[in-house]
Amino acid sequence: MRPAHHEPSKVQGAIDVILKNGAIGGIKGGIVGLACAGLAHKYWPAYKYITRPFKVFIQLGFIITVGCYSVDTALIEYEKKLRHEHLLEQRRKMEAAVERGEVVDITGKKL
């Protein structure tokens, strides 16, 4: 269910950010996890005796953690961009109202 107060284009933009950065972050996490698994296999003798499902579990931990972190930071940046665009639009509306000689509040409504 989509929130009623969000514009569809902004929701779609957030979905695009989530999908793109989730995939990129997951790939990065997979690479880091594989590198760590290789190092553990080489330098930690006990790692060789860990079961395959547990090794997959550890690998998925890297993938999910880095993917979630990537999505979170990208969504914060997306929200900052939207907030900046909104403030610029408010400023433009206020300046246009002042040029017309109207008295308005910060949202652009006439007083």
N, C-alpha and C. Protein backbone atom coordinates (compact mmCIF):
# COMPACT_ATOMS: atom_id res chain seq x y z
N MET A 1 0.84 -1.18 0.00
CA MET A 1 0.00 0.00 0.00
C MET A 1 0.89 1.24 0.00
N ARG A 2 0.60 2.16 -0.90
CA ARG A 2 1.41 3.37 -1.00
C ARG A 2 0.80 4.47 -0.14
N PRO A 3 1.66 5.25 0.52
CA PRO A 3 1.14 6.37 1.29
C PRO A 3 0.44 7.37 0.38
N ALA A 4 -0.70 7.88 0.83
CA ALA A 4 -1.50 8.77 0.01
C ALA A 4 -0.85 10.14 -0.17
N HIS A 5 0.01 10.54 0.75
CA HIS A 5 0.58 11.88 0.70
C HIS A 5 1.84 11.98 -0.16
N HIS A 6 2.27 10.89 -0.75
CA HIS A 6 3.45 10.94 -1.60
C HIS A 6 3.05 10.94 -3.07
N GLU A 7 3.78 11.71 -3.84
CA GLU A 7 3.55 11.72 -5.29
C GLU A 7 4.08 10.42 -5.88
N PRO A 8 3.38 9.87 -6.86
CA PRO A 8 3.84 8.61 -7.47
C PRO A 8 5.26 8.68 -8.04
N SER A 9 5.64 9.83 -8.58
CA SER A 9 6.99 9.94 -9.15
C SER A 9 8.06 9.85 -8.06
N LYS A 10 7.77 10.42 -6.88
CA LYS A 10 8.73 10.36 -5.78
C LYS A 10 8.83 8.94 -5.22
N VAL A 11 7.69 8.26 -5.14
CA VAL A 11 7.70 6.87 -4.67
C VAL A 11 8.47 6.00 -5.66
N GLN A 12 8.23 6.19 -6.95
CA GLN A 12 8.95 5.41 -7.96
C GLN A 12 10.44 5.71 -7.91
N GLY A 13 10.80 6.98 -7.67
CA GLY A 13 12.21 7.33 -7.53
C GLY A 13 12.86 6.62 -6.35
N ALA A 14 12.13 6.52 -5.24
CA ALA A 14 12.66 5.81 -4.07
C ALA A 14 12.81 4.32 -4.36
N ILE A 15 11.84 3.75 -5.07
CA ILE A 15 11.93 2.33 -5.43
C ILE A 15 13.14 2.08 -6.32
N ASP A 16 13.37 2.98 -7.27
CA ASP A 16 14.53 2.84 -8.16
C ASP A 16 15.84 2.90 -7.36
N VAL A 17 15.90 3.83 -6.40
CA VAL A 17 17.10 3.96 -5.56
C VAL A 17 17.31 2.68 -4.76
N ILE A 18 16.23 2.13 -4.21
CA ILE A 18 16.34 0.91 -3.41
C ILE A 18 16.85 -0.26 -4.26
N LEU A 19 16.26 -0.45 -5.43
CA LEU A 19 16.66 -1.58 -6.27
C LEU A 19 18.10 -1.46 -6.75
N LYS A 20 18.45 -0.26 -7.23
CA LYS A 20 19.80 -0.06 -7.76
C LYS A 20 20.86 -0.24 -6.68
N ASN A 21 20.68 0.45 -5.56
CA ASN A 21 21.71 0.40 -4.52
C ASN A 21 21.69 -0.91 -3.74
N GLY A 22 20.54 -1.57 -3.68
CA GLY A 22 20.51 -2.89 -3.05
C GLY A 22 21.32 -3.89 -3.85
N ALA A 23 21.18 -3.85 -5.17
CA ALA A 23 21.94 -4.77 -6.02
C ALA A 23 23.43 -4.47 -5.96
N ILE A 24 23.78 -3.19 -6.07
CA ILE A 24 25.20 -2.81 -6.04
C ILE A 24 25.81 -3.16 -4.68
N GLY A 25 25.09 -2.82 -3.60
CA GLY A 25 25.60 -3.14 -2.27
C GLY A 25 25.71 -4.63 -2.03
N GLY A 26 24.75 -5.40 -2.54
CA GLY A 26 24.81 -6.84 -2.39
C GLY A 26 26.01 -7.44 -3.11
N ILE A 27 26.29 -6.92 -4.29
CA ILE A 27 27.47 -7.40 -5.04
C ILE A 27 28.75 -7.04 -4.29
N LYS A 28 28.83 -5.82 -3.78
CA LYS A 28 30.01 -5.42 -3.00
C LYS A 28 30.17 -6.30 -1.77
N GLY A 29 29.06 -6.55 -1.07
CA GLY A 29 29.12 -7.41 0.11
C GLY A 29 29.53 -8.83 -0.24
N GLY A 30 29.06 -9.32 -1.39
CA GLY A 30 29.46 -10.65 -1.83
C GLY A 30 30.95 -10.74 -2.10
N ILE A 31 31.48 -9.70 -2.72
CA ILE A 31 32.92 -9.68 -3.02
C ILE A 31 33.73 -9.65 -1.72
N VAL A 32 33.31 -8.79 -0.78
CA VAL A 32 34.01 -8.71 0.50
C VAL A 32 33.90 -10.04 1.25
N GLY A 33 32.70 -10.63 1.23
CA GLY A 33 32.51 -11.91 1.90
C GLY A 33 33.37 -13.02 1.31
N LEU A 34 33.46 -13.05 -0.02
CA LEU A 34 34.30 -14.07 -0.66
C LEU A 34 35.78 -13.86 -0.33
N ALA A 35 36.20 -12.60 -0.30
CA ALA A 35 37.59 -12.32 0.05
C ALA A 35 37.87 -12.75 1.49
N CYS A 36 36.94 -12.45 2.39
CA CYS A 36 37.12 -12.86 3.79
C CYS A 36 37.10 -14.38 3.93
N ALA A 37 36.24 -15.04 3.16
CA ALA A 37 36.20 -16.51 3.21
C ALA A 37 37.51 -17.10 2.70
N GLY A 38 38.06 -16.51 1.64
CA GLY A 38 39.34 -16.99 1.12
C GLY A 38 40.46 -16.82 2.13
N LEU A 39 40.49 -15.65 2.78
CA LEU A 39 41.51 -15.41 3.80
C LEU A 39 41.32 -16.34 5.00
N ALA A 40 40.07 -16.53 5.41
CA ALA A 40 39.81 -17.42 6.54
C ALA A 40 40.21 -18.86 6.20
N HIS A 41 39.93 -19.27 4.99
CA HIS A 41 40.29 -20.63 4.57
C HIS A 41 41.80 -20.82 4.56
N LYS A 42 42.51 -19.77 4.19
CA LYS A 42 43.97 -19.87 4.10
C LYS A 42 44.66 -19.76 5.46
N TYR A 43 44.19 -18.82 6.32
CA TYR A 43 44.92 -18.52 7.54
C TYR A 43 44.26 -19.02 8.83
N TRP A 44 43.06 -19.57 8.75
CA TRP A 44 42.39 -20.04 9.95
C TRP A 44 42.02 -21.51 9.75
N PRO A 45 42.80 -22.42 10.30
CA PRO A 45 42.58 -23.84 10.04
C PRO A 45 41.18 -24.34 10.43
N ALA A 46 40.60 -23.80 11.46
CA ALA A 46 39.28 -24.26 11.90
C ALA A 46 38.19 -23.94 10.87
N TYR A 47 38.42 -22.95 10.02
CA TYR A 47 37.40 -22.57 9.02
C TYR A 47 37.14 -23.71 8.03
N LYS A 48 38.15 -24.52 7.78
CA LYS A 48 37.99 -25.63 6.84
C LYS A 48 36.97 -26.65 7.34
N TYR A 49 36.77 -26.72 8.65
CA TYR A 49 35.88 -27.72 9.23
C TYR A 49 34.48 -27.19 9.50
N ILE A 50 34.24 -25.93 9.18
CA ILE A 50 32.89 -25.37 9.32
C ILE A 50 32.03 -25.93 8.19
N THR A 51 30.79 -26.25 8.51
CA THR A 51 29.91 -26.83 7.49
C THR A 51 29.60 -25.82 6.39
N ARG A 52 29.29 -26.35 5.23
CA ARG A 52 28.98 -25.50 4.07
C ARG A 52 27.76 -24.59 4.34
N PRO A 53 26.67 -25.08 4.95
CA PRO A 53 25.54 -24.18 5.21
C PRO A 53 25.92 -23.00 6.11
N PHE A 54 26.81 -23.23 7.08
CA PHE A 54 27.22 -22.13 7.95
C PHE A 54 28.09 -21.13 7.18
N LYS A 55 28.92 -21.63 6.27
CA LYS A 55 29.72 -20.72 5.44
C LYS A 55 28.81 -19.87 4.55
N VAL A 56 27.76 -20.48 4.01
CA VAL A 56 26.80 -19.72 3.20
C VAL A 56 26.09 -18.69 4.06
N PHE A 57 25.75 -19.06 5.29
CA PHE A 57 25.11 -18.13 6.22
C PHE A 57 26.01 -16.92 6.48
N ILE A 58 27.28 -17.15 6.69
CA ILE A 58 28.23 -16.05 6.90
C ILE A 58 28.31 -15.17 5.66
N GLN A 59 28.36 -15.79 4.49
CA GLN A 59 28.42 -15.04 3.23
C GLN A 59 27.17 -14.18 3.06
N LEU A 60 26.00 -14.75 3.35
CA LEU A 60 24.76 -13.98 3.24
C LEU A 60 24.73 -12.81 4.21
N GLY A 61 25.37 -12.99 5.36
CA GLY A 61 25.47 -11.88 6.31
C GLY A 61 26.21 -10.69 5.70
N PHE A 62 27.29 -10.95 5.00
CA PHE A 62 28.01 -9.88 4.31
C PHE A 62 27.14 -9.23 3.24
N ILE A 63 26.49 -10.06 2.44
CA ILE A 63 25.68 -9.54 1.33
C ILE A 63 24.54 -8.67 1.85
N ILE A 64 23.81 -9.16 2.84
CA ILE A 64 22.65 -8.43 3.35
C ILE A 64 23.07 -7.16 4.08
N THR A 65 24.12 -7.25 4.89
CA THR A 65 24.56 -6.08 5.66
C THR A 65 25.01 -4.95 4.75
N VAL A 66 25.86 -5.25 3.80
CA VAL A 66 26.36 -4.20 2.90
C VAL A 66 25.24 -3.69 2.00
N GLY A 67 24.36 -4.58 1.56
CA GLY A 67 23.23 -4.15 0.73
C GLY A 67 22.30 -3.20 1.48
N CYS A 68 21.97 -3.54 2.73
CA CYS A 68 21.09 -2.67 3.53
C CYS A 68 21.74 -1.33 3.82
N TYR A 69 23.03 -1.35 4.14
CA TYR A 69 23.74 -0.10 4.40
C TYR A 69 23.75 0.78 3.16
N SER A 70 23.98 0.18 2.02
CA SER A 70 24.01 0.93 0.76
C SER A 70 22.64 1.54 0.46
N VAL A 71 21.58 0.78 0.65
CA VAL A 71 20.23 1.29 0.42
C VAL A 71 19.91 2.42 1.39
N ASP A 72 20.27 2.25 2.65
CA ASP A 72 19.96 3.26 3.65
C ASP A 72 20.65 4.59 3.35
N THR A 73 21.94 4.54 3.04
CA THR A 73 22.65 5.79 2.75
C THR A 73 22.13 6.44 1.47
N ALA A 74 21.78 5.64 0.47
CA ALA A 74 21.26 6.20 -0.78
C ALA A 74 19.88 6.82 -0.57
N LEU A 75 19.03 6.21 0.25
CA LEU A 75 17.71 6.78 0.52
C LEU A 75 17.81 8.09 1.30
N ILE A 76 18.77 8.17 2.21
CA ILE A 76 18.98 9.42 2.94
C ILE A 76 19.37 10.53 1.97
N GLU A 77 20.27 10.22 1.04
CA GLU A 77 20.66 11.21 0.03
C GLU A 77 19.49 11.59 -0.87
N TYR A 78 18.66 10.63 -1.23
CA TYR A 78 17.49 10.90 -2.07
C TYR A 78 16.51 11.82 -1.33
N GLU A 79 16.29 11.56 -0.04
CA GLU A 79 15.41 12.42 0.74
C GLU A 79 15.98 13.83 0.87
N LYS A 80 17.29 13.95 1.04
CA LYS A 80 17.91 15.28 1.09
C LYS A 80 17.70 16.03 -0.21
N LYS A 81 17.83 15.32 -1.33
CA LYS A 81 17.63 15.94 -2.64
C LYS A 81 16.19 16.42 -2.79
N LEU A 82 15.23 15.59 -2.39
CA LEU A 82 13.82 15.98 -2.47
C LEU A 82 13.52 17.18 -1.57
N ARG A 83 14.09 17.18 -0.37
CA ARG A 83 13.88 18.29 0.56
C ARG A 83 14.45 19.58 -0.02
N HIS A 84 15.63 19.50 -0.63
CA HIS A 84 16.26 20.67 -1.24
C HIS A 84 15.40 21.20 -2.39
N GLU A 85 14.89 20.30 -3.23
CA GLU A 85 14.02 20.73 -4.33
C GLU A 85 12.75 21.38 -3.81
N HIS A 86 12.19 20.84 -2.72
CA HIS A 86 10.98 21.40 -2.13
C HIS A 86 11.24 22.81 -1.59
N LEU A 87 12.37 22.99 -0.92
CA LEU A 87 12.69 24.31 -0.38
C LEU A 87 12.92 25.32 -1.50
N LEU A 88 13.56 24.91 -2.59
CA LEU A 88 13.74 25.81 -3.72
C LEU A 88 12.40 26.21 -4.33
N GLU A 89 11.48 25.26 -4.42
CA GLU A 89 10.14 25.56 -4.96
C GLU A 89 9.39 26.53 -4.04
N GLN A 90 9.50 26.32 -2.72
CA GLN A 90 8.87 27.25 -1.78
C GLN A 90 9.45 28.65 -1.93
N ARG A 91 10.75 28.73 -2.04
CA ARG A 91 11.40 30.04 -2.19
C ARG A 91 10.95 30.72 -3.48
N ARG A 92 10.85 29.94 -4.56
CA ARG A 92 10.41 30.50 -5.83
C ARG A 92 8.98 31.04 -5.71
N LYS A 93 8.10 30.30 -5.06
CA LYS A 93 6.72 30.75 -4.88
C LYS A 93 6.65 32.02 -4.04
N MET A 94 7.45 32.07 -2.97
CA MET A 94 7.45 33.26 -2.12
C MET A 94 7.97 34.47 -2.87
N GLU A 95 9.04 34.31 -3.64
CA GLU A 95 9.59 35.43 -4.39
C GLU A 95 8.61 35.91 -5.45
N ALA A 96 7.89 34.99 -6.08
CA ALA A 96 6.88 35.38 -7.07
C ALA A 96 5.75 36.15 -6.40
N ALA A 97 5.35 35.73 -5.21
CA ALA A 97 4.28 36.43 -4.49
C ALA A 97 4.73 37.82 -4.07
N VAL A 98 5.97 37.95 -3.64
CA VAL A 98 6.49 39.26 -3.24
C VAL A 98 6.53 40.19 -4.45
N GLU A 99 6.91 39.67 -5.60
CA GLU A 99 6.93 40.49 -6.81
C GLU A 99 5.54 40.97 -7.19
N ARG A 100 4.51 40.17 -6.87
CA ARG A 100 3.13 40.58 -7.14
C ARG A 100 2.60 41.50 -6.05
N GLY A 101 3.38 41.68 -4.98
CA GLY A 101 2.96 42.56 -3.89
C GLY A 101 2.09 41.88 -2.85
N GLU A 102 2.08 40.57 -2.82
CA GLU A 102 1.27 39.83 -1.86
C GLU A 102 2.08 39.52 -0.61
N VAL A 103 1.37 39.39 0.51
CA VAL A 103 1.99 38.98 1.76
C VAL A 103 1.64 37.50 1.96
N VAL A 104 2.67 36.66 2.05
CA VAL A 104 2.46 35.22 2.16
C VAL A 104 3.29 34.65 3.30
N ASP A 105 2.88 33.47 3.78
CA ASP A 105 3.70 32.78 4.77
C ASP A 105 4.71 31.88 4.06
N ILE A 106 5.41 31.07 4.83
CA ILE A 106 6.49 30.27 4.25
C ILE A 106 5.99 29.23 3.25
N THR A 107 4.74 28.81 3.37
CA THR A 107 4.20 27.82 2.44
C THR A 107 3.68 28.45 1.16
N GLY A 108 3.61 29.77 1.09
CA GLY A 108 3.12 30.45 -0.10
C GLY A 108 1.66 30.84 -0.01
N LYS A 109 1.01 30.58 1.15
CA LYS A 109 -0.40 30.93 1.31
C LYS A 109 -0.53 32.41 1.66
N LYS A 110 -1.57 33.04 1.12
CA LYS A 110 -1.80 34.45 1.40
C LYS A 110 -2.23 34.63 2.85
N LEU A 111 -1.75 35.71 3.45
CA LEU A 111 -2.14 36.02 4.83
C LEU A 111 -3.27 37.01 4.86
